[in-house]
Amino acid sequence: MPQTFDRIAPSYDKMIRPYERRFLGRWRAETLKELPTDAIILEIGAGTGANFAYYPNCKQAVASEISCEMLKFAAEKTASIDLVEADAEGLPFASDSFDAVFATLVFCSIADPAAAFAEVIRVLKPNGHVILLEHVRPNGLLGYVFDALSVLTVAVMDDHFNRRTARLAEAAGLEVLEVRSKALGIVNLIICRKQAK
């Protein structure tokens, strides 16, 4: 999978620019407004740094990404965010390190989301928040269309169009506080919390 993102890294920003202007930029801003300020935060799957402009004031910000080529482009957009090449399923951080963890359009392409959520929970402090913006399987007949599409998108670009990310987060042990449905339920803003033991 890193090879897929390494290959598209040079054209990625240009490819998504029209979507950023129409709706993605607005959704990213809304998502990152849910993060605490003056905190230690971690982004999973930072890509080329599309979220960097929306980061809140932080005590420390870390952006992880599996693709070294994507990170090269991300590095051009920041001098204050720590960039780390890492797989979400094996994060190189100590337990209870972060006040909040977030991802945008990432969990659809993680091979083992349960393992990734386990890692997110491990590195997150008790009562810390997980904020996700993800395209998901919508309800109703459209969901069946996404099931069919997913067969193709998984084969071509390791992208699962029919994930139920809020359910996966809850199954991993996170408390799902809110799900905001967007674009006929195709995209969800999911707000979760790690419960204190």
Protein backbone atom coordinates (compact mmCIF):
# COMPACT_ATOMS: atom_id res chain seq x y z
CA MET A 1 0.00 0.00 0.00
CA PRO A 2 2.76 2.60 0.63
CA GLN A 3 3.77 2.08 -3.02
CA THR A 4 0.30 3.21 -4.16
CA PHE A 5 0.62 6.50 -2.27
CA ASP A 6 4.28 6.95 -3.25
CA ARG A 7 3.21 6.70 -6.89
CA ILE A 8 0.41 9.31 -6.67
CA ALA A 9 2.23 11.72 -4.33
CA PRO A 10 3.50 14.12 -7.06
CA SER A 11 0.01 14.61 -8.52
CA TYR A 12 -2.09 14.24 -5.36
CA ASP A 13 -2.56 17.92 -4.48
CA LYS A 14 -3.51 18.82 -8.05
CA MET A 15 -5.89 15.84 -8.21
CA ILE A 16 -7.87 16.82 -5.09
CA ARG A 17 -7.73 20.62 -5.51
CA PRO A 18 -11.22 20.93 -7.09
CA TYR A 19 -12.74 18.89 -4.24
CA GLU A 20 -10.86 20.94 -1.65
CA ARG A 21 -12.39 24.13 -3.08
CA ARG A 22 -15.93 22.75 -3.31
CA PHE A 23 -16.31 20.94 0.02
CA LEU A 24 -13.25 19.15 1.42
CA GLY A 25 -11.57 22.28 2.75
CA ARG A 26 -14.75 23.25 4.61
CA TRP A 27 -15.11 19.73 6.05
CA ARG A 28 -11.46 19.64 7.10
CA ALA A 29 -11.86 22.96 8.93
CA GLU A 30 -14.97 21.69 10.74
CA THR A 31 -13.19 18.47 11.70
CA LEU A 32 -10.08 20.10 13.11
CA LYS A 33 -12.16 22.63 15.09
CA GLU A 34 -13.09 19.64 17.27
CA LEU A 35 -9.47 19.27 18.41
CA PRO A 36 -8.38 20.74 21.75
CA THR A 37 -6.08 23.78 21.77
CA ASP A 38 -2.72 23.91 23.57
CA ALA A 39 -2.63 20.11 23.44
CA ILE A 40 -0.41 17.35 22.08
CA ILE A 41 -2.09 16.03 18.93
CA LEU A 42 -1.40 13.28 16.41
CA GLU A 43 -2.59 13.06 12.82
CA ILE A 44 -2.81 9.60 11.26
CA GLY A 45 -2.24 9.53 7.50
CA ALA A 46 -1.22 13.13 6.96
CA GLY A 47 -0.59 12.61 3.24
CA THR A 48 0.82 15.74 1.63
CA GLY A 49 -0.32 17.95 4.50
CA ALA A 50 -3.79 19.01 3.35
CA ASN A 51 -4.88 19.48 6.98
CA PHE A 52 -1.92 21.55 8.14
CA ALA A 53 -3.62 24.90 7.44
CA TYR A 54 -6.43 23.95 9.84
CA TYR A 55 -4.38 22.77 12.83
CA PRO A 56 -5.28 24.51 16.11
CA ASN A 57 -2.67 26.14 18.34
CA CYS A 58 -0.82 23.17 19.81
CA LYS A 59 1.65 22.37 22.50
CA GLN A 60 3.00 19.80 20.05
CA ALA A 61 1.69 18.49 16.72
CA VAL A 62 2.83 15.23 15.15
CA ALA A 63 1.77 14.10 11.67
CA SER A 64 2.34 10.46 10.74
CA GLU A 65 2.20 9.04 7.23
CA ILE A 66 3.07 5.64 5.75
CA SER A 67 4.31 7.05 2.41
CA CYS A 68 7.76 8.61 2.40
CA GLU A 69 6.96 10.36 -0.90
CA MET A 70 3.83 11.96 0.54
CA LEU A 71 5.90 13.17 3.51
CA LYS A 72 8.32 14.95 1.16
CA PHE A 73 5.49 17.13 -0.09
CA ALA A 74 4.09 17.57 3.43
CA ALA A 75 7.48 18.81 4.63
CA GLU A 76 7.26 21.74 2.19
CA LYS A 77 4.08 22.95 3.95
CA THR A 78 5.28 23.14 7.57
CA ALA A 79 8.21 23.90 9.81
CA SER A 80 6.40 23.43 13.11
CA ILE A 81 4.74 20.01 12.79
CA ASP A 82 6.82 16.92 13.54
CA LEU A 83 6.62 14.53 10.57
CA VAL A 84 7.00 10.80 11.20
CA GLU A 85 6.96 7.97 8.67
CA ALA A 86 4.76 5.37 10.35
CA ASP A 87 2.11 2.73 9.73
CA ALA A 88 -1.14 3.31 11.64
CA GLU A 89 -1.11 -0.36 12.63
CA GLY A 90 2.23 0.02 14.43
CA LEU A 91 2.72 3.55 15.76
CA PRO A 92 6.20 4.36 17.12
CA PHE A 93 4.93 6.36 20.11
CA ALA A 94 4.71 5.66 23.82
CA SER A 95 1.37 4.76 25.37
CA ASP A 96 -0.79 7.64 26.68
CA SER A 97 1.21 10.24 24.70
CA PHE A 98 -1.47 12.32 22.97
CA ASP A 99 -4.43 14.42 24.06
CA ALA A 100 -6.17 13.86 20.72
CA VAL A 101 -5.73 11.78 17.57
CA PHE A 102 -7.36 12.55 14.24
CA ALA A 103 -7.54 11.37 10.64
CA THR A 104 -9.27 12.53 7.49
CA LEU A 105 -10.09 10.10 4.68
CA VAL A 106 -7.62 7.52 6.00
CA PHE A 107 -9.39 4.58 7.63
CA CYS A 108 -10.91 3.57 4.29
CA SER A 109 -7.45 2.52 3.09
CA ILE A 110 -5.95 0.95 6.22
CA ALA A 111 -5.56 -2.80 5.74
CA ASP A 112 -6.48 -3.70 9.34
CA PRO A 113 -8.58 -0.91 10.89
CA ALA A 114 -9.05 -2.87 14.13
CA ALA A 115 -5.27 -2.95 14.62
CA ALA A 116 -5.03 0.75 13.80
CA PHE A 117 -7.76 1.65 16.28
CA ALA A 118 -5.99 -0.45 18.93
CA GLU A 119 -2.84 1.59 18.34
CA VAL A 120 -4.77 4.87 18.42
CA ILE A 121 -6.29 3.89 21.75
CA ARG A 122 -2.89 2.86 23.10
CA VAL A 123 -1.15 6.17 22.31
CA LEU A 124 -4.13 8.29 23.40
CA LYS A 125 -4.41 9.58 26.97
CA PRO A 126 -7.48 8.54 29.00
CA ASN A 127 -10.48 10.72 28.10
CA GLY A 128 -8.62 11.85 24.98
CA HIS A 129 -10.59 12.37 21.77
CA VAL A 130 -10.43 10.73 18.35
CA ILE A 131 -11.80 12.87 15.51
CA LEU A 132 -12.38 11.26 12.11
CA LEU A 133 -13.62 12.51 8.76
CA GLU A 134 -14.25 9.41 6.64
CA HIS A 135 -16.16 8.32 3.59
CA VAL A 136 -18.29 5.36 4.66
CA ARG A 137 -21.01 2.98 3.52
CA PRO A 138 -24.25 4.99 3.41
CA ASN A 139 -27.58 3.56 4.54
CA GLY A 140 -30.33 2.36 2.23
CA LEU A 141 -30.01 1.33 -1.41
CA LEU A 142 -26.96 3.54 -1.92
CA GLY A 143 -25.10 1.27 0.49
CA TYR A 144 -25.43 -1.64 -1.94
CA VAL A 145 -23.98 0.53 -4.70
CA PHE A 146 -21.01 1.22 -2.45
CA ASP A 147 -20.63 -2.51 -1.74
CA ALA A 148 -20.29 -3.10 -5.47
CA LEU A 149 -17.95 -0.13 -5.97
CA SER A 150 -15.73 -1.35 -3.15
CA VAL A 151 -14.84 -4.50 -5.07
CA LEU A 152 -13.26 -2.31 -7.75
CA THR A 153 -11.73 0.36 -5.52
CA VAL A 154 -10.07 -2.18 -3.23
CA ALA A 155 -8.52 -3.95 -6.23
CA VAL A 156 -7.33 -0.74 -7.88
CA MET A 157 -6.25 1.47 -4.95
CA ASP A 158 -6.78 -0.37 -1.65
CA ASP A 159 -9.75 1.91 -0.87
CA HIS A 160 -12.73 0.35 0.96
CA PHE A 161 -15.79 2.33 -0.11
CA ASN A 162 -18.12 0.46 2.22
CA ARG A 163 -16.47 0.65 5.63
CA ARG A 164 -18.65 1.40 8.63
CA THR A 165 -16.00 3.37 10.48
CA ALA A 166 -18.08 4.51 13.47
CA ARG A 167 -19.01 0.88 14.18
CA LEU A 168 -15.36 -0.16 13.88
CA ALA A 169 -14.32 2.57 16.32
CA GLU A 170 -16.97 1.47 18.81
CA ALA A 171 -16.02 -2.21 18.42
CA ALA A 172 -12.41 -1.26 19.19
CA GLY A 173 -13.50 0.21 22.54
CA LEU A 174 -13.92 3.91 21.78
CA GLU A 175 -17.01 5.74 22.98
CA VAL A 176 -18.68 7.29 19.92
CA LEU A 177 -20.02 10.67 21.05
CA GLU A 178 -21.36 12.04 17.78
CA VAL A 179 -21.65 11.19 14.09
CA ARG A 180 -22.36 14.05 11.67
CA SER A 181 -23.62 12.77 8.34
CA LYS A 182 -22.66 14.61 5.16
CA ALA A 183 -23.31 14.13 1.43
CA LEU A 184 -26.24 11.70 1.80
CA GLY A 185 -24.36 9.77 4.47
CA ILE A 186 -21.38 9.08 2.19
CA VAL A 187 -19.10 11.05 4.55
CA ASN A 188 -19.20 11.06 8.33
CA LEU A 189 -17.52 13.31 10.88
CA ILE A 190 -17.07 10.94 13.83
CA ILE A 191 -16.21 12.18 17.33
CA CYS A 192 -15.01 9.56 19.84
CA ARG A 193 -13.46 9.41 23.28
CA LYS A 194 -11.13 6.98 25.00
CA GLN A 195 -12.77 6.08 28.26
CA ALA A 196 -10.69 6.23 31.44
CA LYS A 197 -10.14 2.83 33.05
